[in-house]
Amino acid sequence: MDLTNRVLEFASDVGVLLLQSGGETYRVEETIERICEAYNIKKAGVFATPTAVIVSATVDGDIKSVVKRIKSRKTDLNKVYEINSLSRRIVRDKITIDESEKRLKEIEDGEFYSDRKIIFFSGVATAVLTVLFGGTLADMAASFLIGCMVRCIIFALGKLSLNDFFINMISAGAIASAAIIFKETEIIKSIDKVIMGSIMLLVPGLPLTNAIRDILDGELLSGGMKIEEVAIIGVAVTIGMCFVLNLYIKYGGA
């Protein structure tokens, strides 16, 4: 593989990892263009959406292009930071493509946030939010356990390659079910504060923020796709939550 093809392949891999980790579309395009220019590919075109990255370049009259699909996305801002640092190092220090590829592989395989850490802080987040919504100490403890449980469910369903719609629907149903159990066993007095605090774990805050940013920046296609993703997640959460609560109310719940 010649240098141009290696650079295009590497740059597109960078874009894919950025999008998979929660990076914004504009950041993906700027990073790829910066990398291509650092390796003397002056005429590079980049088009990024939440589901694909397309990179093309004209070198000595030949047009070369790479298309990569994005099949899964999550939030890992540490990887976004590490990739940004790598791209700046490529521009500043002119490191070789071999070293760049090696460093990207390290970033991709790295696990800065372990599963245990994510589970624990998911519980902390839901507990704190429950208190902010006016919950008691008992509500906070219940929300902590629910937050940890839901994150474990998300991990387990993710390994089964279930899509985000069903993952969020099942997780929302689990939150409602756990809150009802805590209430019926009189550990908590009411379920509203616990549900409000716990459901925030499923709110797609980063995709919504990125969608608004893209739309304001004129990236209507990318922003519109992200808005649709947020809406679908919202529908899934609503279905899962309402299904369980309706059953609870129908069969005598208060």
Protein backbone atom coordinates (compact mmCIF):
# COMPACT_ATOMS: atom_id res chain seq x y z
CA MET A 1 0.00 0.00 0.00
CA ASP A 2 1.47 3.38 -1.02
CA LEU A 3 1.74 6.32 1.37
CA THR A 4 -1.35 8.12 0.06
CA ASN A 5 -3.57 5.09 0.58
CA ARG A 6 -2.12 4.52 4.04
CA VAL A 7 -2.78 8.12 5.03
CA LEU A 8 -6.36 8.01 3.75
CA GLU A 9 -6.97 4.71 5.53
CA PHE A 10 -5.44 6.06 8.74
CA ALA A 11 -7.33 9.36 8.58
CA SER A 12 -10.65 7.62 7.96
CA ASP A 13 -9.99 5.28 10.91
CA VAL A 14 -9.41 8.36 13.07
CA GLY A 15 -12.74 9.78 11.92
CA VAL A 16 -14.58 6.54 12.62
CA LEU A 17 -13.16 6.27 16.14
CA LEU A 18 -14.06 9.91 16.84
CA LEU A 19 -17.66 9.38 15.77
CA GLN A 20 -17.91 6.11 17.68
CA SER A 21 -16.69 7.90 20.82
CA GLY A 22 -19.16 10.79 20.63
CA GLY A 23 -17.13 13.33 18.66
CA GLU A 24 -18.89 16.08 16.71
CA THR A 25 -19.13 15.94 12.92
CA TYR A 26 -17.22 19.19 12.42
CA ARG A 27 -14.42 17.89 14.64
CA VAL A 28 -14.17 14.71 12.56
CA GLU A 29 -13.91 16.62 9.29
CA GLU A 30 -11.38 19.14 10.62
CA THR A 31 -9.22 16.40 12.17
CA ILE A 32 -9.11 14.33 8.98
CA GLU A 33 -8.29 17.39 6.85
CA ARG A 34 -5.52 18.38 9.28
CA ILE A 35 -3.99 14.90 9.18
CA CYS A 36 -4.09 14.70 5.38
CA GLU A 37 -2.45 18.11 5.05
CA ALA A 38 0.26 17.13 7.54
CA TYR A 39 1.14 14.18 5.28
CA ASN A 40 1.26 16.42 2.17
CA ILE A 41 -2.17 15.53 0.79
CA LYS A 42 -3.35 19.03 -0.06
CA LYS A 43 -6.54 18.28 -1.98
CA ALA A 44 -8.51 16.21 0.49
CA GLY A 45 -12.28 16.17 0.77
CA VAL A 46 -14.12 14.87 3.81
CA PHE A 47 -17.80 14.16 4.35
CA ALA A 48 -18.87 12.81 7.73
CA THR A 49 -22.29 11.79 9.03
CA PRO A 50 -23.25 9.88 12.19
CA THR A 51 -23.25 6.66 10.14
CA ALA A 52 -20.41 7.06 7.62
CA VAL A 53 -17.11 8.77 6.85
CA ILE A 54 -16.04 9.47 3.27
CA VAL A 55 -12.51 10.69 2.52
CA SER A 56 -11.18 11.44 -0.96
CA ALA A 57 -7.98 12.98 -2.30
CA THR A 58 -6.47 13.97 -5.62
CA VAL A 59 -2.77 13.10 -5.95
CA ASP A 60 -0.90 13.53 -9.25
CA GLY A 61 -4.15 13.52 -11.14
CA ASP A 62 -5.41 10.30 -9.53
CA ILE A 63 -8.54 10.38 -7.37
CA LYS A 64 -8.52 8.04 -4.38
CA SER A 65 -11.26 7.59 -1.81
CA VAL A 66 -12.16 5.63 1.32
CA VAL A 67 -15.63 4.97 2.72
CA LYS A 68 -16.11 3.70 6.28
CA ARG A 69 -19.37 2.78 8.00
CA ILE A 70 -20.11 3.52 11.66
CA LYS A 71 -22.15 0.70 13.16
CA SER A 72 -21.96 1.50 16.86
CA ARG A 73 -21.65 4.66 18.93
CA LYS A 74 -21.03 5.40 22.58
CA THR A 75 -19.68 8.23 24.71
CA ASP A 76 -15.97 8.10 25.52
CA LEU A 77 -14.66 11.65 25.75
CA ASN A 78 -11.24 10.42 26.85
CA LYS A 79 -10.73 8.85 23.41
CA VAL A 80 -11.90 12.09 21.78
CA TYR A 81 -9.27 13.95 23.81
CA GLU A 82 -6.53 11.44 22.98
CA ILE A 83 -7.30 11.59 19.25
CA ASN A 84 -7.25 15.39 19.32
CA SER A 85 -3.86 15.25 21.02
CA LEU A 86 -2.60 12.78 18.41
CA SER A 87 -3.74 14.95 15.49
CA ARG A 88 -2.03 18.00 16.96
CA ARG A 89 1.14 15.99 17.51
CA ILE A 90 1.07 14.83 13.88
CA VAL A 91 0.86 18.44 12.70
CA ARG A 92 3.39 19.81 15.18
CA ASP A 93 6.02 17.08 15.33
CA LYS A 94 5.57 15.52 11.86
CA ILE A 95 5.63 11.98 13.24
CA THR A 96 5.72 9.09 10.79
CA ILE A 97 2.63 7.25 9.60
CA ASP A 98 3.92 4.09 11.31
CA GLU A 99 4.05 5.83 14.68
CA SER A 100 0.64 7.43 14.11
CA GLU A 101 -0.97 4.09 13.29
CA LYS A 102 0.59 2.50 16.36
CA ARG A 103 -0.67 5.30 18.61
CA LEU A 104 -4.17 5.13 17.15
CA LYS A 105 -4.27 1.39 17.83
CA GLU A 106 -3.29 2.07 21.45
CA ILE A 107 -6.07 4.63 21.79
CA GLU A 108 -8.63 2.30 20.22
CA ASP A 109 -7.70 -0.62 22.49
CA GLY A 110 -7.32 1.52 25.60
CA GLU A 111 -9.98 1.35 28.33
CA PHE A 112 -9.62 4.47 30.43
CA TYR A 113 -13.07 3.96 31.89
CA SER A 114 -13.41 0.39 33.17
CA ASP A 115 -16.85 -1.24 33.34
CA ARG A 116 -16.77 -1.17 37.15
CA LYS A 117 -15.97 2.52 37.19
CA ILE A 118 -18.77 3.29 34.72
CA ILE A 119 -21.27 1.23 36.73
CA PHE A 120 -20.32 2.90 40.00
CA PHE A 121 -20.48 6.45 38.68
CA SER A 122 -23.74 5.73 36.89
CA GLY A 123 -25.16 5.02 40.33
CA VAL A 124 -23.57 8.17 41.74
CA ALA A 125 -25.05 10.27 38.93
CA THR A 126 -28.58 8.99 39.42
CA ALA A 127 -28.32 9.36 43.20
CA VAL A 128 -27.16 12.98 42.97
CA LEU A 129 -29.86 13.85 40.44
CA THR A 130 -32.51 12.30 42.67
CA VAL A 131 -31.42 14.55 45.53
CA LEU A 132 -31.49 17.58 43.22
CA PHE A 133 -35.08 16.70 42.32
CA GLY A 134 -35.97 16.74 46.02
CA GLY A 135 -35.52 13.09 46.96
CA THR A 136 -34.73 11.81 50.44
CA LEU A 137 -31.71 9.80 51.54
CA ALA A 138 -33.71 6.62 51.00
CA ASP A 139 -34.58 7.80 47.50
CA MET A 140 -30.91 8.54 46.87
CA ALA A 141 -29.85 5.05 47.97
CA ALA A 142 -32.54 3.46 45.81
CA SER A 143 -31.51 5.54 42.80
CA PHE A 144 -27.87 4.56 43.29
CA LEU A 145 -28.77 0.87 43.13
CA ILE A 146 -31.06 1.42 40.14
CA GLY A 147 -28.37 3.36 38.30
CA CYS A 148 -25.84 0.57 38.81
CA MET A 149 -28.41 -2.05 37.78
CA VAL A 150 -29.41 -0.21 34.60
CA ARG A 151 -25.82 0.25 33.51
CA CYS A 152 -25.26 -3.50 33.96
CA ILE A 153 -28.36 -4.14 31.83
CA ILE A 154 -27.06 -1.80 29.12
CA PHE A 155 -23.70 -3.59 29.07
CA ALA A 156 -25.36 -7.02 28.93
CA LEU A 157 -27.78 -6.08 26.14
CA GLY A 158 -25.00 -4.37 24.22
CA LYS A 159 -23.03 -7.61 24.14
CA LEU A 160 -26.07 -9.26 22.57
CA SER A 161 -25.87 -6.70 19.73
CA LEU A 162 -29.36 -5.43 20.53
CA ASN A 163 -30.11 -2.06 18.93
CA ASP A 164 -30.38 1.16 20.95
CA PHE A 165 -34.17 1.34 20.69
CA PHE A 166 -34.75 -1.94 22.55
CA ILE A 167 -31.86 -1.32 24.97
CA ASN A 168 -33.39 1.99 26.08
CA MET A 169 -36.92 0.58 26.17
CA ILE A 170 -35.90 -2.37 28.35
CA SER A 171 -33.75 -0.14 30.58
CA ALA A 172 -36.63 2.31 31.10
CA GLY A 173 -38.92 -0.57 32.00
CA ALA A 174 -36.32 -1.86 34.46
CA ILE A 175 -36.11 1.56 36.13
CA ALA A 176 -39.87 1.72 36.61
CA SER A 177 -40.02 -1.87 37.86
CA ALA A 178 -37.21 -1.35 40.38
CA ALA A 179 -38.78 1.90 41.66
CA ILE A 180 -42.12 0.10 42.14
CA ILE A 181 -40.42 -2.73 44.05
CA PHE A 182 -38.69 -0.25 46.35
CA LYS A 183 -42.02 1.49 47.01
CA GLU A 184 -43.99 -1.69 47.62
CA THR A 185 -41.37 -2.88 50.11
CA GLU A 186 -41.67 0.57 51.80
CA ILE A 187 -38.01 1.39 51.32
CA ILE A 188 -39.10 4.62 49.63
CA LYS A 189 -42.32 6.60 50.07
CA SER A 190 -42.97 7.57 46.45
CA ILE A 191 -41.51 6.62 43.11
CA ASP A 192 -41.56 9.95 41.27
CA LYS A 193 -38.24 11.36 42.54
CA VAL A 194 -36.47 8.03 42.09
CA ILE A 195 -37.75 7.65 38.54
CA MET A 196 -36.87 11.25 37.63
CA GLY A 197 -33.33 10.86 38.90
CA SER A 198 -32.77 7.42 37.40
CA ILE A 199 -34.29 8.11 33.98
CA MET A 200 -31.70 10.84 33.39
CA LEU A 201 -29.20 8.03 32.82
CA LEU A 202 -30.98 7.30 29.53
CA VAL A 203 -31.35 10.89 28.35
CA PRO A 204 -29.18 11.34 25.21
CA GLY A 205 -27.60 14.61 26.29
CA LEU A 206 -24.45 14.45 24.18
CA PRO A 207 -26.20 13.51 20.90
CA LEU A 208 -28.72 16.30 21.47
CA THR A 209 -25.97 18.84 22.13
CA ASN A 210 -24.04 17.71 19.05
CA ALA A 211 -27.22 17.83 16.94
CA ILE A 212 -27.93 21.43 17.91
CA ARG A 213 -24.30 22.35 17.31
CA ASP A 214 -24.33 20.76 13.84
CA ILE A 215 -27.58 22.46 12.86
CA LEU A 216 -26.35 25.87 13.99
CA ASP A 217 -23.13 25.24 12.08
CA GLY A 218 -25.07 24.53 8.89
CA GLU A 219 -24.58 20.74 8.97
CA LEU A 220 -28.28 20.08 8.43
CA LEU A 221 -27.97 16.45 7.31
CA SER A 222 -25.81 15.39 10.24
CA GLY A 223 -27.80 17.47 12.73
CA GLY A 224 -31.10 16.14 11.43
CA MET A 225 -29.92 12.54 11.71
CA LYS A 226 -28.84 13.11 15.30
CA ILE A 227 -32.16 14.76 16.15
CA GLU A 228 -33.91 11.68 14.76
CA GLU A 229 -31.69 9.47 16.91
CA VAL A 230 -32.57 11.50 20.01
CA ALA A 231 -36.28 11.31 19.17
CA ILE A 232 -36.15 7.53 18.71
CA ILE A 233 -34.40 7.11 22.06
CA GLY A 234 -37.04 9.33 23.67
CA VAL A 235 -39.84 7.21 22.19
CA ALA A 236 -38.16 4.00 23.39
CA VAL A 237 -37.78 5.34 26.94
CA THR A 238 -41.39 6.51 26.97
CA ILE A 239 -42.71 3.13 25.78
CA GLY A 240 -40.71 1.16 28.35
CA MET A 241 -41.60 3.46 31.23
CA CYS A 242 -45.30 3.84 30.39
CA PHE A 243 -45.81 0.12 29.82
CA VAL A 244 -44.61 -0.80 33.31
CA LEU A 245 -46.34 2.12 35.07
CA ASN A 246 -49.64 1.43 33.30
CA LEU A 247 -49.53 -2.19 34.41
CA TYR A 248 -48.76 -1.07 37.96
CA ILE A 249 -51.67 1.40 38.03
CA LYS A 250 -54.05 -1.03 36.31
CA TYR A 251 -53.48 -3.74 38.90
CA GLY A 252 -53.91 -1.62 41.98
CA GLY A 253 -50.78 0.50 42.28
CA ALA A 254 -51.03 3.94 43.78
